Amino acid sequence: MIYKVLYQDSELDNPRRESTKSLYVNADSSIIVRQAVENNTNYHIEFIQELDEEHLEYEKKNPDFKLTEF
């Protein structure tokens, strides 16, 4: 499954919608995604969303779409 992770760059920053970023991870569960992001970055995770086929196709149209590997 592909998961979309919404995050802030730093755990120290106050979360603001305008500075929320996203990354995409292929994993078996959202728990694995959370552990990978927490172990490899200083990001403050806001939300992890499993993408269905339609949503994934929509996200792939974004030129910034790239699967992140940890």
PDB file of N, CA and C in Angstrom:
ATOM      1  N   MET A   1       0.828  -1.186   0.000  1.00  0.00           N
ATOM      2  CA  MET A   1       0.000   0.000   0.000  1.00  0.00           C
ATOM      3  C   MET A   1       0.878   1.258   0.000  1.00  0.00           C
ATOM      4  N   ILE A   2       0.342   2.282  -0.592  1.00  0.00           N
ATOM      5  CA  ILE A   2       1.013   3.581  -0.593  1.00  0.00           C
ATOM      6  C   ILE A   2       0.323   4.456   0.449  1.00  0.00           C
ATOM      7  N   TYR A   3       1.137   5.096   1.287  1.00  0.00           N
ATOM      8  CA  TYR A   3       0.625   5.979   2.328  1.00  0.00           C
ATOM      9  C   TYR A   3       1.127   7.389   2.085  1.00  0.00           C
ATOM     10  N   LYS A   4       0.266   8.348   2.333  1.00  0.00           N
ATOM     11  CA  LYS A   4       0.618   9.762   2.269  1.00  0.00           C
ATOM     12  C   LYS A   4       0.812  10.240   3.700  1.00  0.00           C
ATOM     13  N   VAL A   5       1.975  10.814   3.969  1.00  0.00           N
ATOM     14  CA  VAL A   5       2.305  11.311   5.300  1.00  0.00           C
ATOM     15  C   VAL A   5       2.331  12.832   5.251  1.00  0.00           C
ATOM     16  N   LEU A   6       1.487  13.457   6.040  1.00  0.00           N
ATOM     17  CA  LEU A   6       1.482  14.915   6.166  1.00  0.00           C
ATOM     18  C   LEU A   6       2.318  15.264   7.391  1.00  0.00           C
ATOM     19  N   TYR A   7       3.250  16.197   7.227  1.00  0.00           N
ATOM     20  CA  TYR A   7       4.193  16.480   8.305  1.00  0.00           C
ATOM     21  C   TYR A   7       4.651  17.926   8.295  1.00  0.00           C
ATOM     22  N   GLN A   8       5.243  18.313   9.417  1.00  0.00           N
ATOM     23  CA  GLN A   8       5.971  19.578   9.553  1.00  0.00           C
ATOM     24  C   GLN A   8       7.460  19.221   9.578  1.00  0.00           C
ATOM     25  N   ASP A   9       8.308  20.125   9.119  1.00  0.00           N
ATOM     26  CA  ASP A   9       9.742  19.850   9.047  1.00  0.00           C
ATOM     27  C   ASP A   9      10.379  19.570  10.400  1.00  0.00           C
ATOM     28  N   SER A  10       9.881  20.181  11.445  1.00  0.00           N
ATOM     29  CA  SER A  10      10.513  20.048  12.755  1.00  0.00           C
ATOM     30  C   SER A  10       9.467  19.838  13.839  1.00  0.00           C
ATOM     31  N   GLU A  11       9.823  19.038  14.816  1.00  0.00           N
ATOM     32  CA  GLU A  11       8.950  18.836  15.964  1.00  0.00           C
ATOM     33  C   GLU A  11       8.864  20.095  16.826  1.00  0.00           C
ATOM     34  N   LEU A  12       9.826  20.991  16.665  1.00  0.00           N
ATOM     35  CA  LEU A  12       9.878  22.198  17.486  1.00  0.00           C
ATOM     36  C   LEU A  12       8.981  23.315  16.959  1.00  0.00           C
ATOM     37  N   ASP A  13       8.623  23.258  15.677  1.00  0.00           N
ATOM     38  CA  ASP A  13       7.775  24.295  15.082  1.00  0.00           C
ATOM     39  C   ASP A  13       6.316  24.053  15.429  1.00  0.00           C
ATOM     40  N   ASN A  14       5.585  25.148  15.583  1.00  0.00           N
ATOM     41  CA  ASN A  14       4.142  25.020  15.749  1.00  0.00           C
ATOM     42  C   ASN A  14       3.533  24.600  14.413  1.00  0.00           C
ATOM     43  N   PRO A  15       2.665  23.593  14.424  1.00  0.00           N
ATOM     44  CA  PRO A  15       2.054  23.161  13.162  1.00  0.00           C
ATOM     45  C   PRO A  15       1.206  24.275  12.545  1.00  0.00           C
ATOM     46  N   ARG A  16       1.420  24.505  11.254  1.00  0.00           N
ATOM     47  CA  ARG A  16       0.624  25.466  10.493  1.00  0.00           C
ATOM     48  C   ARG A  16       0.275  24.828   9.165  1.00  0.00           C
ATOM     49  N   ARG A  17      -0.932  25.007   8.771  1.00  0.00           N
ATOM     50  CA  ARG A  17      -1.406  24.421   7.521  1.00  0.00           C
ATOM     51  C   ARG A  17      -0.542  24.851   6.334  1.00  0.00           C
ATOM     52  N   GLU A  18      -0.121  26.090   6.331  1.00  0.00           N
ATOM     53  CA  GLU A  18       0.652  26.630   5.216  1.00  0.00           C
ATOM     54  C   GLU A  18       2.022  25.967   5.073  1.00  0.00           C
ATOM     55  N   SER A  19       2.546  25.422   6.136  1.00  0.00           N
ATOM     56  CA  SER A  19       3.871  24.811   6.066  1.00  0.00           C
ATOM     57  C   SER A  19       3.821  23.284   6.116  1.00  0.00           C
ATOM     58  N   THR A  20       2.633  22.710   6.002  1.00  0.00           N
ATOM     59  CA  THR A  20       2.505  21.258   5.978  1.00  0.00           C
ATOM     60  C   THR A  20       3.024  20.723   4.653  1.00  0.00           C
ATOM     61  N   LYS A  21       3.826  19.680   4.737  1.00  0.00           N
ATOM     62  CA  LYS A  21       4.388  19.030   3.551  1.00  0.00           C
ATOM     63  C   LYS A  21       3.915  17.584   3.525  1.00  0.00           C
ATOM     64  N   SER A  22       4.168  16.910   2.416  1.00  0.00           N
ATOM     65  CA  SER A  22       3.757  15.518   2.330  1.00  0.00           C
ATOM     66  C   SER A  22       4.839  14.673   1.685  1.00  0.00           C
ATOM     67  N   LEU A  23       4.837  13.408   2.049  1.00  0.00           N
ATOM     68  CA  LEU A  23       5.686  12.433   1.402  1.00  0.00           C
ATOM     69  C   LEU A  23       4.885  11.150   1.251  1.00  0.00           C
ATOM     70  N   TYR A  24       5.354  10.282   0.370  1.00  0.00           N
ATOM     71  CA  TYR A  24       4.628   9.064   0.037  1.00  0.00           C
ATOM     72  C   TYR A  24       5.536   7.878   0.301  1.00  0.00           C
ATOM     73  N   VAL A  25       4.982   6.878   0.977  1.00  0.00           N
ATOM     74  CA  VAL A  25       5.780   5.718   1.391  1.00  0.00           C
ATOM     75  C   VAL A  25       5.016   4.449   1.039  1.00  0.00           C
ATOM     76  N   ASN A  26       5.731   3.466   0.501  1.00  0.00           N
ATOM     77  CA  ASN A  26       5.162   2.157   0.229  1.00  0.00           C
ATOM     78  C   ASN A  26       5.491   1.257   1.417  1.00  0.00           C
ATOM     79  N   ALA A  27       4.459   0.750   2.093  1.00  0.00           N
ATOM     80  CA  ALA A  27       4.666  -0.100   3.271  1.00  0.00           C
ATOM     81  C   ALA A  27       3.443  -0.977   3.481  1.00  0.00           C
ATOM     82  N   ASP A  28       3.589  -1.951   4.377  1.00  0.00           N
ATOM     83  CA  ASP A  28       2.498  -2.880   4.667  1.00  0.00           C
ATOM     84  C   ASP A  28       1.463  -2.310   5.623  1.00  0.00           C
ATOM     85  N   SER A  29       1.847  -1.316   6.430  1.00  0.00           N
ATOM     86  CA  SER A  29       0.889  -0.740   7.380  1.00  0.00           C
ATOM     87  C   SER A  29       1.308   0.677   7.755  1.00  0.00           C
ATOM     88  N   SER A  30       0.351   1.427   8.302  1.00  0.00           N
ATOM     89  CA  SER A  30       0.653   2.784   8.739  1.00  0.00           C
ATOM     90  C   SER A  30       1.592   2.779   9.949  1.00  0.00           C
ATOM     91  N   ILE A  31       1.578   1.705  10.718  1.00  0.00           N
ATOM     92  CA  ILE A  31       2.481   1.595  11.871  1.00  0.00           C
ATOM     93  C   ILE A  31       3.925   1.542  11.395  1.00  0.00           C
ATOM     94  N   ILE A  32       4.176   0.774  10.351  1.00  0.00           N
ATOM     95  CA  ILE A  32       5.531   0.683   9.784  1.00  0.00           C
ATOM     96  C   ILE A  32       5.956   2.031   9.223  1.00  0.00           C
ATOM     97  N   VAL A  33       5.032   2.731   8.569  1.00  0.00           N
ATOM     98  CA  VAL A  33       5.330   4.060   8.020  1.00  0.00           C
ATOM     99  C   VAL A  33       5.712   5.014   9.143  1.00  0.00           C
ATOM    100  N   ARG A  34       4.910   5.053  10.206  1.00  0.00           N
ATOM    101  CA  ARG A  34       5.184   5.946  11.339  1.00  0.00           C
ATOM    102  C   ARG A  34       6.559   5.648  11.942  1.00  0.00           C
ATOM    103  N   GLN A  35       6.867   4.384  12.156  1.00  0.00           N
ATOM    104  CA  GLN A  35       8.157   4.016  12.738  1.00  0.00           C
ATOM    105  C   GLN A  35       9.308   4.431  11.827  1.00  0.00           C
ATOM    106  N   ALA A  36       9.163   4.216  10.520  1.00  0.00           N
ATOM    107  CA  ALA A  36      10.230   4.576   9.580  1.00  0.00           C
ATOM    108  C   ALA A  36      10.467   6.079   9.569  1.00  0.00           C
ATOM    109  N   VAL A  37       9.398   6.861   9.525  1.00  0.00           N
ATOM    110  CA  VAL A  37       9.547   8.327   9.496  1.00  0.00           C
ATOM    111  C   VAL A  37      10.144   8.815  10.811  1.00  0.00           C
ATOM    112  N   GLU A  38       9.651   8.311  11.930  1.00  0.00           N
ATOM    113  CA  GLU A  38      10.164   8.752  13.236  1.00  0.00           C
ATOM    114  C   GLU A  38      11.615   8.357  13.444  1.00  0.00           C
ATOM    115  N   ASN A  39      12.026   7.195  12.936  1.00  0.00           N
ATOM    116  CA  ASN A  39      13.400   6.721  13.129  1.00  0.00           C
ATOM    117  C   ASN A  39      14.404   7.403  12.200  1.00  0.00           C
ATOM    118  N   ASN A  40      13.940   7.933  11.072  1.00  0.00           N
ATOM    119  CA  ASN A  40      14.860   8.463  10.068  1.00  0.00           C
ATOM    120  C   ASN A  40      14.789   9.964   9.840  1.00  0.00           C
ATOM    121  N   THR A  41      13.872  10.650  10.517  1.00  0.00           N
ATOM    122  CA  THR A  41      13.733  12.097  10.315  1.00  0.00           C
ATOM    123  C   THR A  41      13.418  12.781  11.643  1.00  0.00           C
ATOM    124  N   ASN A  42      13.407  14.101  11.607  1.00  0.00           N
ATOM    125  CA  ASN A  42      12.950  14.893  12.750  1.00  0.00           C
ATOM    126  C   ASN A  42      11.576  15.484  12.483  1.00  0.00           C
ATOM    127  N   TYR A  43      10.864  14.927  11.523  1.00  0.00           N
ATOM    128  CA  TYR A  43       9.556  15.453  11.142  1.00  0.00           C
ATOM    129  C   TYR A  43       8.537  15.261  12.254  1.00  0.00           C
ATOM    130  N   HIS A  44       7.607  16.204  12.309  1.00  0.00           N
ATOM    131  CA  HIS A  44       6.454  16.083  13.197  1.00  0.00           C
ATOM    132  C   HIS A  44       5.286  15.589  12.339  1.00  0.00           C
ATOM    133  N   ILE A  45       4.905  14.333  12.517  1.00  0.00           N
ATOM    134  CA  ILE A  45       3.852  13.729  11.709  1.00  0.00           C
ATOM    135  C   ILE A  45       2.497  14.258  12.170  1.00  0.00           C
ATOM    136  N   GLU A  46       1.731  14.753  11.225  1.00  0.00           N
ATOM    137  CA  GLU A  46       0.375  15.223  11.514  1.00  0.00           C
ATOM    138  C   GLU A  46      -0.660  14.152  11.219  1.00  0.00           C
ATOM    139  N   PHE A  47      -0.477  13.442  10.086  1.00  0.00           N
ATOM    140  CA  PHE A  47      -1.494  12.500   9.658  1.00  0.00           C
ATOM    141  C   PHE A  47      -0.891  11.514   8.670  1.00  0.00           C
ATOM    142  N   ILE A  48      -1.328  10.260   8.737  1.00  0.00           N
ATOM    143  CA  ILE A  48      -0.923   9.241   7.768  1.00  0.00           C
ATOM    144  C   ILE A  48      -2.195   8.696   7.134  1.00  0.00           C
ATOM    145  N   GLN A  49      -2.241   8.745   5.808  1.00  0.00           N
ATOM    146  CA  GLN A  49      -3.431   8.340   5.077  1.00  0.00           C
ATOM    147  C   GLN A  49      -3.094   7.248   4.066  1.00  0.00           C
ATOM    148  N   GLU A  50      -3.836   6.152   4.112  1.00  0.00           N
ATOM    149  CA  GLU A  50      -3.695   5.112   3.100  1.00  0.00           C
ATOM    150  C   GLU A  50      -4.413   5.581   1.830  1.00  0.00           C
ATOM    151  N   LEU A  51      -3.727   5.489   0.700  1.00  0.00           N
ATOM    152  CA  LEU A  51      -4.303   5.978  -0.554  1.00  0.00           C
ATOM    153  C   LEU A  51      -4.957   4.836  -1.328  1.00  0.00           C
ATOM    154  N   ASP A  52      -6.205   5.047  -1.743  1.00  0.00           N
ATOM    155  CA  ASP A  52      -6.840   4.075  -2.627  1.00  0.00           C
ATOM    156  C   ASP A  52      -6.358   4.361  -4.053  1.00  0.00           C
ATOM    157  N   GLU A  53      -6.740   3.524  -5.003  1.00  0.00           N
ATOM    158  CA  GLU A  53      -6.249   3.652  -6.382  1.00  0.00           C
ATOM    159  C   GLU A  53      -6.580   5.004  -7.012  1.00  0.00           C
ATOM    160  N   GLU A  54      -7.800   5.478  -6.826  1.00  0.00           N
ATOM    161  CA  GLU A  54      -8.192   6.759  -7.424  1.00  0.00           C
ATOM    162  C   GLU A  54      -7.385   7.915  -6.854  1.00  0.00           C
ATOM    163  N   HIS A  55      -7.224   7.919  -5.539  1.00  0.00           N
ATOM    164  CA  HIS A  55      -6.465   8.996  -4.899  1.00  0.00           C
ATOM    165  C   HIS A  55      -4.992   8.924  -5.308  1.00  0.00           C
ATOM    166  N   LEU A  56      -4.458   7.720  -5.404  1.00  0.00           N
ATOM    167  CA  LEU A  56      -3.067   7.557  -5.812  1.00  0.00           C
ATOM    168  C   LEU A  56      -2.857   8.074  -7.233  1.00  0.00           C
ATOM    169  N   GLU A  57      -3.764   7.768  -8.139  1.00  0.00           N
ATOM    170  CA  GLU A  57      -3.650   8.269  -9.510  1.00  0.00           C
ATOM    171  C   GLU A  57      -3.689   9.791  -9.547  1.00  0.00           C
ATOM    172  N   TYR A  58      -4.522  10.388  -8.715  1.00  0.00           N
ATOM    173  CA  TYR A  58      -4.593  11.846  -8.620  1.00  0.00           C
ATOM    174  C   TYR A  58      -3.254  12.408  -8.117  1.00  0.00           C
ATOM    175  N   GLU A  59      -2.707  11.801  -7.062  1.00  0.00           N
ATOM    176  CA  GLU A  59      -1.444  12.289  -6.497  1.00  0.00           C
ATOM    177  C   GLU A  59      -0.294  12.144  -7.490  1.00  0.00           C
ATOM    178  N   LYS A  60      -0.314  11.112  -8.310  1.00  0.00           N
ATOM    179  CA  LYS A  60       0.755  10.892  -9.289  1.00  0.00           C
ATOM    180  C   LYS A  60       0.799  11.981 -10.356  1.00  0.00           C
ATOM    181  N   LYS A  61      -0.297  12.707 -10.538  1.00  0.00           N
ATOM    182  CA  LYS A  61      -0.330  13.800 -11.514  1.00  0.00           C
ATOM    183  C   LYS A  61       0.460  15.014 -11.040  1.00  0.00           C
ATOM    184  N   ASN A  62       0.743  15.090  -9.754  1.00  0.00           N
ATOM    185  CA  ASN A  62       1.527  16.182  -9.186  1.00  0.00           C
ATOM    186  C   ASN A  62       2.994  15.980  -9.585  1.00  0.00           C
ATOM    187  N   PRO A  63       3.637  16.978 -10.167  1.00  0.00           N
ATOM    188  CA  PRO A  63       5.036  16.815 -10.573  1.00  0.00           C
ATOM    189  C   PRO A  63       5.989  16.540  -9.412  1.00  0.00           C
ATOM    190  N   ASP A  64       5.586  16.848  -8.188  1.00  0.00           N
ATOM    191  CA  ASP A  64       6.436  16.608  -7.028  1.00  0.00           C
ATOM    192  C   ASP A  64       6.244  15.214  -6.424  1.00  0.00           C
ATOM    193  N   PHE A  65       5.374  14.398  -7.013  1.00  0.00           N
ATOM    194  CA  PHE A  65       5.114  13.065  -6.477  1.00  0.00           C
ATOM    195  C   PHE A  65       6.365  12.210  -6.602  1.00  0.00           C
ATOM    196  N   LYS A  66       6.766  11.608  -5.474  1.00  0.00           N
ATOM    197  CA  LYS A  66       7.928  10.726  -5.459  1.00  0.00           C
ATOM    198  C   LYS A  66       7.790   9.811  -4.245  1.00  0.00           C
ATOM    199  N   LEU A  67       7.974   8.517  -4.447  1.00  0.00           N
ATOM    200  CA  LEU A  67       7.954   7.590  -3.324  1.00  0.00           C
ATOM    201  C   LEU A  67       9.235   7.750  -2.525  1.00  0.00           C
ATOM    202  N   THR A  68       9.100   7.823  -1.225  1.00  0.00           N
ATOM    203  CA  THR A  68      10.254   7.945  -0.330  1.00  0.00           C
ATOM    204  C   THR A  68      10.604   6.572   0.216  1.00  0.00           C
ATOM    205  N   GLU A  69      11.890   6.256   0.206  1.00  0.00           N
ATOM    206  CA  GLU A  69      12.338   4.982   0.769  1.00  0.00           C
ATOM    207  C   GLU A  69      13.218   5.241   1.972  1.00  0.00           C
ATOM    208  N   PHE A  70      13.016   4.426   2.992  1.00  0.00           N
ATOM    209  CA  PHE A  70      13.824   4.542   4.211  1.00  0.00           C
ATOM    210  C   PHE A  70      14.697   3.318   4.367  1.00  0.00           C
TER     211      PHE A  70
END
